[in-house]
């Protein structure tokens, strides 16, 4: 299997969207509004500049909808995922794919010097792997035809 050496930094440099975040004391309802407004599935939860969790559609489904909580009365801090797996800009996409697969997560905050500088989603990882495979196929076709 072809391994990609593309780094998280390379993927982030191609993403146009900044990191979308929310404060831990915001309501779940406000967080859902941000997810919808940006058409995304996860928010980084920041207390100032400090990463304190992530809030995802999965958190909402399991911690609010299934438990009958009210999203207007529930704070993000009460249901967010607090133990967040993070990567650094120098990690490879293969590193991210391994973490996402073994730990069953779909989003990895990217942290550099204790500051969140990006967010890598499973979609970003899949797109990077496909692009690398396309490049490899083109190189092989060129080699064969020359």
N, C-alpha and C. Protein backbone atom coordinates (compact mmCIF):
# COMPACT_ATOMS: atom_id res chain seq x y z
N UNK A 1 0.84 -1.18 0.00
CA UNK A 1 0.00 0.00 0.00
C UNK A 1 0.89 1.24 0.00
N UNK A 2 0.53 2.20 -0.81
CA UNK A 2 1.26 3.46 -0.89
C UNK A 2 0.99 4.29 0.36
N UNK A 3 2.06 4.78 0.98
CA UNK A 3 1.93 5.62 2.16
C UNK A 3 2.12 7.06 1.75
N UNK A 4 1.36 7.96 2.36
CA UNK A 4 1.49 9.38 2.04
C UNK A 4 2.38 10.06 3.08
N UNK A 5 3.24 10.91 2.60
CA UNK A 5 4.10 11.69 3.49
C UNK A 5 3.59 13.12 3.59
N UNK A 6 2.46 13.38 2.98
CA UNK A 6 1.86 14.72 3.05
C UNK A 6 1.62 15.07 4.52
N UNK A 7 1.97 16.27 4.90
CA UNK A 7 1.82 16.67 6.30
C UNK A 7 0.49 17.36 6.55
N UNK A 8 0.14 17.43 7.82
CA UNK A 8 -1.06 18.14 8.25
C UNK A 8 -0.96 19.61 7.82
N UNK A 9 0.25 20.19 7.94
CA UNK A 9 0.45 21.59 7.54
C UNK A 9 0.10 21.80 6.07
N UNK A 10 0.49 20.85 5.21
CA UNK A 10 0.17 20.96 3.79
C UNK A 10 -1.34 20.93 3.57
N UNK A 11 -2.03 20.09 4.29
CA UNK A 11 -3.49 20.01 4.16
C UNK A 11 -4.13 21.30 4.65
N UNK A 12 -3.67 21.80 5.79
CA UNK A 12 -4.23 23.04 6.33
C UNK A 12 -4.00 24.22 5.40
N UNK A 13 -2.88 24.25 4.70
CA UNK A 13 -2.59 25.37 3.81
C UNK A 13 -3.54 25.42 2.62
N UNK A 14 -4.18 24.30 2.32
CA UNK A 14 -5.13 24.24 1.20
C UNK A 14 -6.57 24.49 1.64
N UNK A 15 -6.80 24.50 2.94
CA UNK A 15 -8.15 24.73 3.45
C UNK A 15 -8.41 26.23 3.55
N UNK A 16 -9.55 26.64 3.04
CA UNK A 16 -9.88 28.07 3.08
C UNK A 16 -10.54 28.46 4.39
N UNK A 17 -11.22 27.53 5.01
CA UNK A 17 -12.01 27.85 6.21
C UNK A 17 -11.16 27.90 7.47
N UNK A 18 -11.31 28.96 8.26
CA UNK A 18 -10.58 29.03 9.53
C UNK A 18 -11.18 28.04 10.54
N UNK A 19 -10.52 27.88 11.67
CA UNK A 19 -11.05 27.03 12.73
C UNK A 19 -12.28 27.71 13.32
N UNK A 20 -13.37 26.99 13.35
CA UNK A 20 -14.61 27.52 13.93
C UNK A 20 -14.68 27.00 15.36
N UNK A 21 -14.85 27.93 16.29
CA UNK A 21 -14.84 27.54 17.70
C UNK A 21 -16.06 28.09 18.43
N UNK A 22 -16.17 27.64 19.67
CA UNK A 22 -17.24 28.11 20.55
C UNK A 22 -16.70 28.08 21.98
N UNK A 23 -17.26 28.91 22.82
CA UNK A 23 -16.85 28.95 24.23
C UNK A 23 -17.55 27.84 25.00
N UNK A 24 -16.94 27.33 26.07
CA UNK A 24 -17.54 26.24 26.84
C UNK A 24 -18.84 26.64 27.54
N UNK A 25 -19.05 27.92 27.82
CA UNK A 25 -20.27 28.34 28.50
C UNK A 25 -21.41 28.66 27.54
N UNK A 26 -21.17 28.55 26.24
CA UNK A 26 -22.25 28.75 25.26
C UNK A 26 -23.25 27.61 25.38
N UNK A 27 -24.46 27.85 24.91
CA UNK A 27 -25.47 26.79 24.94
C UNK A 27 -25.26 25.82 23.78
N UNK A 28 -25.75 24.63 23.97
CA UNK A 28 -25.71 23.64 22.90
C UNK A 28 -26.50 24.15 21.70
N UNK A 29 -27.57 24.87 21.95
CA UNK A 29 -28.38 25.43 20.87
C UNK A 29 -27.52 26.38 20.01
N UNK A 30 -26.73 27.24 20.67
CA UNK A 30 -25.84 28.14 19.93
C UNK A 30 -24.81 27.36 19.14
N UNK A 31 -24.30 26.29 19.72
CA UNK A 31 -23.32 25.45 19.03
C UNK A 31 -23.93 24.80 17.79
N UNK A 32 -25.15 24.31 17.92
CA UNK A 32 -25.85 23.72 16.78
C UNK A 32 -26.04 24.76 15.68
N UNK A 33 -26.35 25.98 16.08
CA UNK A 33 -26.49 27.07 15.11
C UNK A 33 -25.20 27.31 14.34
N UNK A 34 -24.07 27.25 15.03
CA UNK A 34 -22.77 27.44 14.35
C UNK A 34 -22.48 26.28 13.40
N UNK A 35 -22.79 25.05 13.84
CA UNK A 35 -22.58 23.90 12.95
C UNK A 35 -23.38 24.08 11.67
N UNK A 36 -24.62 24.49 11.81
CA UNK A 36 -25.49 24.68 10.64
C UNK A 36 -25.01 25.84 9.77
N UNK A 37 -24.64 26.95 10.40
CA UNK A 37 -24.22 28.14 9.65
C UNK A 37 -22.98 27.87 8.79
N UNK A 38 -22.07 27.07 9.31
CA UNK A 38 -20.83 26.78 8.59
C UNK A 38 -20.86 25.44 7.86
N UNK A 39 -21.97 24.71 7.98
CA UNK A 39 -22.13 23.41 7.35
C UNK A 39 -20.97 22.47 7.71
N UNK A 40 -20.72 22.36 9.03
CA UNK A 40 -19.65 21.52 9.53
C UNK A 40 -20.20 20.58 10.60
N UNK A 41 -19.41 19.61 11.02
CA UNK A 41 -19.88 18.64 11.99
C UNK A 41 -19.21 18.72 13.35
N UNK A 42 -18.30 19.68 13.53
CA UNK A 42 -17.53 19.74 14.77
C UNK A 42 -17.05 21.16 15.03
N UNK A 43 -17.06 21.55 16.30
CA UNK A 43 -16.53 22.83 16.74
C UNK A 43 -15.42 22.58 17.75
N UNK A 44 -14.38 23.39 17.68
CA UNK A 44 -13.35 23.37 18.71
C UNK A 44 -13.87 24.21 19.86
N UNK A 45 -13.76 23.72 21.08
CA UNK A 45 -14.21 24.47 22.26
C UNK A 45 -12.98 25.12 22.89
N UNK A 46 -13.00 26.46 22.89
CA UNK A 46 -11.87 27.22 23.41
C UNK A 46 -12.29 28.07 24.59
N UNK A 47 -11.48 28.00 25.64
CA UNK A 47 -11.64 28.88 26.79
C UNK A 47 -10.53 29.91 26.63
N UNK A 48 -10.85 31.06 26.06
CA UNK A 48 -9.82 32.00 25.63
C UNK A 48 -9.13 31.38 24.43
N UNK A 49 -7.82 31.13 24.54
CA UNK A 49 -7.10 30.44 23.46
C UNK A 49 -6.79 29.00 23.83
N UNK A 50 -7.21 28.56 25.02
CA UNK A 50 -6.92 27.21 25.51
C UNK A 50 -7.96 26.22 25.02
N UNK A 51 -7.49 25.16 24.38
CA UNK A 51 -8.36 24.08 23.93
C UNK A 51 -8.87 23.33 25.15
N UNK A 52 -10.19 23.25 25.30
CA UNK A 52 -10.73 22.51 26.45
C UNK A 52 -11.66 21.39 26.00
N UNK A 53 -11.91 21.26 24.69
CA UNK A 53 -12.74 20.17 24.21
C UNK A 53 -13.14 20.37 22.76
N UNK A 54 -13.96 19.43 22.29
CA UNK A 54 -14.60 19.59 20.98
C UNK A 54 -16.07 19.26 21.17
N UNK A 55 -16.88 19.85 20.32
CA UNK A 55 -18.32 19.60 20.32
C UNK A 55 -18.67 19.12 18.93
N UNK A 56 -19.30 17.95 18.85
CA UNK A 56 -19.64 17.38 17.55
C UNK A 56 -21.11 16.96 17.52
N UNK A 57 -21.55 16.68 16.32
CA UNK A 57 -22.91 16.17 16.15
C UNK A 57 -23.11 14.91 16.98
N UNK A 58 -22.06 14.12 17.09
CA UNK A 58 -22.11 12.88 17.87
C UNK A 58 -22.37 13.20 19.35
N UNK A 59 -21.69 14.25 19.87
CA UNK A 59 -21.92 14.66 21.26
C UNK A 59 -23.37 15.06 21.47
N UNK A 60 -23.90 15.82 20.52
CA UNK A 60 -25.29 16.26 20.63
C UNK A 60 -26.23 15.05 20.62
N UNK A 61 -26.04 14.15 19.69
CA UNK A 61 -26.93 12.99 19.57
C UNK A 61 -26.92 12.14 20.83
N UNK A 62 -25.74 11.90 21.37
CA UNK A 62 -25.62 11.00 22.52
C UNK A 62 -25.89 11.66 23.86
N UNK A 63 -25.54 12.93 24.00
CA UNK A 63 -25.63 13.59 25.31
C UNK A 63 -26.84 14.50 25.48
N UNK A 64 -27.50 14.85 24.39
CA UNK A 64 -28.67 15.73 24.49
C UNK A 64 -29.91 15.01 23.97
N UNK A 65 -29.92 14.68 22.69
CA UNK A 65 -31.10 14.09 22.06
C UNK A 65 -31.53 12.79 22.75
N UNK A 66 -30.60 11.87 22.93
CA UNK A 66 -30.95 10.58 23.53
C UNK A 66 -31.31 10.66 25.01
N UNK A 67 -30.79 11.67 25.70
CA UNK A 67 -31.05 11.79 27.13
C UNK A 67 -32.20 12.76 27.44
N UNK A 68 -32.81 13.30 26.41
CA UNK A 68 -33.95 14.19 26.61
C UNK A 68 -33.60 15.54 27.20
N UNK A 69 -32.36 15.97 27.05
CA UNK A 69 -31.96 17.29 27.55
C UNK A 69 -32.47 18.38 26.61
N UNK A 70 -32.48 19.59 27.11
CA UNK A 70 -32.89 20.74 26.32
C UNK A 70 -31.64 21.48 25.85
N UNK A 71 -31.50 21.63 24.53
CA UNK A 71 -30.29 22.25 23.98
C UNK A 71 -30.17 23.74 24.33
N UNK A 72 -31.29 24.38 24.65
CA UNK A 72 -31.24 25.80 25.02
C UNK A 72 -30.80 25.99 26.48
N UNK A 73 -30.92 24.95 27.29
CA UNK A 73 -30.57 25.04 28.71
C UNK A 73 -29.28 24.32 29.07
N UNK A 74 -28.67 23.65 28.11
CA UNK A 74 -27.48 22.85 28.38
C UNK A 74 -26.24 23.58 27.85
N UNK A 75 -25.22 23.69 28.67
CA UNK A 75 -23.97 24.33 28.26
C UNK A 75 -23.11 23.33 27.49
N UNK A 76 -22.37 23.85 26.54
CA UNK A 76 -21.45 23.02 25.75
C UNK A 76 -20.51 22.26 26.67
N UNK A 77 -19.99 22.90 27.72
CA UNK A 77 -19.03 22.25 28.63
C UNK A 77 -19.61 20.98 29.27
N UNK A 78 -20.94 20.92 29.39
CA UNK A 78 -21.57 19.76 30.03
C UNK A 78 -21.63 18.52 29.15
N UNK A 79 -21.46 18.70 27.85
CA UNK A 79 -21.58 17.54 26.96
C UNK A 79 -20.41 17.37 26.00
N UNK A 80 -19.50 18.33 25.93
CA UNK A 80 -18.39 18.26 24.97
C UNK A 80 -17.47 17.08 25.28
N UNK A 81 -16.73 16.67 24.29
CA UNK A 81 -15.69 15.68 24.49
C UNK A 81 -14.49 16.41 25.06
N UNK A 82 -14.09 16.02 26.28
CA UNK A 82 -13.00 16.72 26.96
C UNK A 82 -11.63 16.12 26.67
N UNK A 83 -11.57 14.84 26.50
CA UNK A 83 -10.30 14.18 26.21
C UNK A 83 -10.10 14.18 24.70
N UNK A 84 -9.42 15.21 24.21
CA UNK A 84 -9.30 15.43 22.77
C UNK A 84 -7.94 14.95 22.26
N UNK A 85 -7.98 14.14 21.23
CA UNK A 85 -6.76 13.74 20.54
C UNK A 85 -6.36 14.89 19.63
N UNK A 86 -5.10 15.26 19.65
CA UNK A 86 -4.62 16.35 18.82
C UNK A 86 -3.42 15.89 18.01
N UNK A 87 -3.15 16.60 16.93
CA UNK A 87 -1.94 16.37 16.13
C UNK A 87 -1.21 17.69 15.98
N UNK A 88 0.03 17.59 15.55
CA UNK A 88 0.84 18.77 15.27
C UNK A 88 0.91 18.97 13.75
N UNK A 89 1.27 20.16 13.30
CA UNK A 89 1.37 20.41 11.86
C UNK A 89 2.34 19.47 11.14
N UNK A 90 3.35 18.98 11.83
CA UNK A 90 4.34 18.10 11.20
C UNK A 90 3.88 16.65 11.07
N UNK A 91 2.79 16.27 11.73
CA UNK A 91 2.28 14.90 11.58
C UNK A 91 1.90 14.66 10.12
N UNK A 92 1.96 13.40 9.72
CA UNK A 92 1.55 13.06 8.36
C UNK A 92 0.07 12.70 8.32
N UNK A 93 -0.45 12.68 7.13
CA UNK A 93 -1.84 12.26 6.94
C UNK A 93 -2.00 10.80 7.33
N UNK A 94 -0.97 9.99 7.10
CA UNK A 94 -1.02 8.60 7.55
C UNK A 94 -1.14 8.53 9.07
N UNK A 95 -0.43 9.41 9.79
CA UNK A 95 -0.57 9.46 11.25
C UNK A 95 -2.02 9.74 11.63
N UNK A 96 -2.62 10.72 10.96
CA UNK A 96 -4.01 11.09 11.25
C UNK A 96 -4.96 9.94 10.96
N UNK A 97 -4.75 9.28 9.81
CA UNK A 97 -5.62 8.17 9.45
C UNK A 97 -5.53 7.06 10.49
N UNK A 98 -4.33 6.78 10.96
CA UNK A 98 -4.16 5.76 11.99
C UNK A 98 -4.87 6.11 13.28
N UNK A 99 -4.72 7.35 13.73
CA UNK A 99 -5.40 7.80 14.95
C UNK A 99 -6.92 7.74 14.79
N UNK A 100 -7.40 8.25 13.67
CA UNK A 100 -8.85 8.29 13.45
C UNK A 100 -9.45 6.89 13.40
N UNK A 101 -8.72 5.98 12.79
CA UNK A 101 -9.22 4.61 12.66
C UNK A 101 -9.19 3.88 14.00
N UNK A 102 -8.07 3.93 14.69
CA UNK A 102 -7.96 3.17 15.93
C UNK A 102 -8.75 3.78 17.07
N UNK A 103 -8.86 5.09 17.10
CA UNK A 103 -9.56 5.75 18.21
C UNK A 103 -10.99 6.14 17.87
N UNK A 104 -11.41 5.86 16.64
CA UNK A 104 -12.79 6.08 16.19
C UNK A 104 -13.24 7.54 16.36
N UNK A 105 -12.40 8.45 15.85
CA UNK A 105 -12.73 9.87 15.86
C UNK A 105 -12.75 10.39 14.43
N UNK A 106 -13.46 11.47 14.22
CA UNK A 106 -13.60 12.04 12.88
C UNK A 106 -12.92 13.39 12.73
N UNK A 107 -12.46 13.96 13.83
CA UNK A 107 -11.84 15.29 13.81
C UNK A 107 -10.64 15.33 14.74
N UNK A 108 -9.57 15.96 14.28
CA UNK A 108 -8.37 16.12 15.08
C UNK A 108 -7.95 17.59 15.08
N UNK A 109 -8.03 18.25 16.23
CA UNK A 109 -7.49 19.61 16.30
C UNK A 109 -5.98 19.57 16.07
N UNK A 110 -5.49 20.59 15.41
CA UNK A 110 -4.06 20.72 15.14
C UNK A 110 -3.53 21.79 16.09
N UNK A 111 -2.58 21.40 16.92
CA UNK A 111 -2.06 22.30 17.94
C UNK A 111 -0.57 22.55 17.70
N UNK A 112 -0.19 23.81 17.74
CA UNK A 112 1.20 24.21 17.59
C UNK A 112 1.54 25.20 18.70
N UNK A 113 2.49 24.85 19.54
CA UNK A 113 2.88 25.69 20.68
C UNK A 113 1.66 26.03 21.55
N UNK A 114 0.89 25.00 21.89
CA UNK A 114 -0.29 25.10 22.77
C UNK A 114 -1.42 25.96 22.19
N UNK A 115 -1.38 26.24 20.91
CA UNK A 115 -2.41 27.04 20.26
C UNK A 115 -3.05 26.24 19.13
N UNK A 116 -4.38 26.26 19.05
CA UNK A 116 -5.08 25.56 17.98
C UNK A 116 -4.88 26.34 16.67
N UNK A 117 -4.31 25.66 15.68
CA UNK A 117 -4.04 26.32 14.40
C UNK A 117 -4.86 25.73 13.26
N UNK A 118 -5.64 24.69 13.56
CA UNK A 118 -6.44 24.07 12.51
C UNK A 118 -7.23 22.89 13.04
N UNK A 119 -7.98 22.30 12.13
CA UNK A 119 -8.77 21.12 12.44
C UNK A 119 -8.75 20.24 11.20
N UNK A 120 -8.38 18.98 11.38
CA UNK A 120 -8.36 18.03 10.27
C UNK A 120 -9.53 17.07 10.45
N UNK A 121 -10.32 16.95 9.41
CA UNK A 121 -11.47 16.04 9.45
C UNK A 121 -11.16 14.77 8.66
N UNK A 122 -11.99 13.77 8.84
CA UNK A 122 -11.82 12.53 8.08
C UNK A 122 -11.93 12.81 6.58
N UNK A 123 -12.76 13.78 6.21
CA UNK A 123 -12.88 14.18 4.81
C UNK A 123 -11.58 14.75 4.27
N UNK A 124 -10.89 15.56 5.07
CA UNK A 124 -9.60 16.11 4.66
C UNK A 124 -8.59 14.98 4.42
N UNK A 125 -8.60 14.01 5.30
CA UNK A 125 -7.68 12.88 5.19
C UNK A 125 -7.96 12.07 3.93
N UNK A 126 -9.23 11.79 3.69
CA UNK A 126 -9.60 11.02 2.49
C UNK A 126 -9.21 11.77 1.22
N UNK A 127 -9.49 13.07 1.17
CA UNK A 127 -9.13 13.86 -0.02
C UNK A 127 -7.62 13.86 -0.25
N UNK A 128 -6.82 13.96 0.81
CA UNK A 128 -5.37 13.95 0.67
C UNK A 128 -4.86 12.61 0.16
N UNK A 129 -5.42 11.53 0.68
CA UNK A 129 -5.01 10.20 0.24
C UNK A 129 -5.37 9.99 -1.24
N UNK A 130 -6.56 10.40 -1.63
CA UNK A 130 -6.99 10.26 -3.03
C UNK A 130 -6.08 11.08 -3.95
N UNK A 131 -5.77 12.30 -3.54
CA UNK A 131 -4.89 13.15 -4.35
C UNK A 131 -3.51 12.50 -4.52
N UNK A 132 -2.97 11.94 -3.44
CA UNK A 132 -1.67 11.28 -3.52
C UNK A 132 -1.73 10.06 -4.44
N UNK A 133 -2.82 9.30 -4.36
CA UNK A 133 -2.95 8.12 -5.21
C UNK A 133 -3.09 8.52 -6.68
N UNK A 134 -3.82 9.61 -6.94
CA UNK A 134 -3.93 10.12 -8.31
C UNK A 134 -2.55 10.49 -8.85
N UNK A 135 -1.76 11.18 -8.01
CA UNK A 135 -0.41 11.56 -8.42
C UNK A 135 0.45 10.36 -8.72
N UNK A 136 0.36 9.33 -7.89
CA UNK A 136 1.14 8.12 -8.11
C UNK A 136 0.71 7.43 -9.41
N UNK A 137 -0.57 7.37 -9.66
CA UNK A 137 -1.07 6.75 -10.89
C UNK A 137 -0.55 7.51 -12.12
N UNK A 138 -0.58 8.83 -12.06
CA UNK A 138 -0.08 9.65 -13.17
C UNK A 138 1.41 9.41 -13.40
N UNK A 139 2.18 9.29 -12.32
CA UNK A 139 3.61 9.00 -12.46
C UNK A 139 3.85 7.65 -13.09
N UNK A 140 3.09 6.66 -12.66
CA UNK A 140 3.24 5.31 -13.22
C UNK A 140 2.84 5.27 -14.69
N UNK A 141 1.75 5.96 -15.03
CA UNK A 141 1.32 6.01 -16.44
C UNK A 141 2.39 6.69 -17.30
N UNK A 142 2.96 7.75 -16.79
CA UNK A 142 4.01 8.47 -17.52
C UNK A 142 5.22 7.58 -17.70
N UNK A 143 5.58 6.83 -16.68
CA UNK A 143 6.72 5.93 -16.74
C UNK A 143 6.47 4.83 -17.79
N UNK A 144 5.26 4.29 -17.77
CA UNK A 144 4.92 3.21 -18.71
C UNK A 144 4.95 3.69 -20.15
N UNK A 145 4.47 4.91 -20.38
CA UNK A 145 4.38 5.44 -21.74
C UNK A 145 5.70 5.99 -22.27
N UNK A 146 6.69 6.14 -21.41
CA UNK A 146 7.97 6.70 -21.90
C UNK A 146 8.98 5.65 -22.26
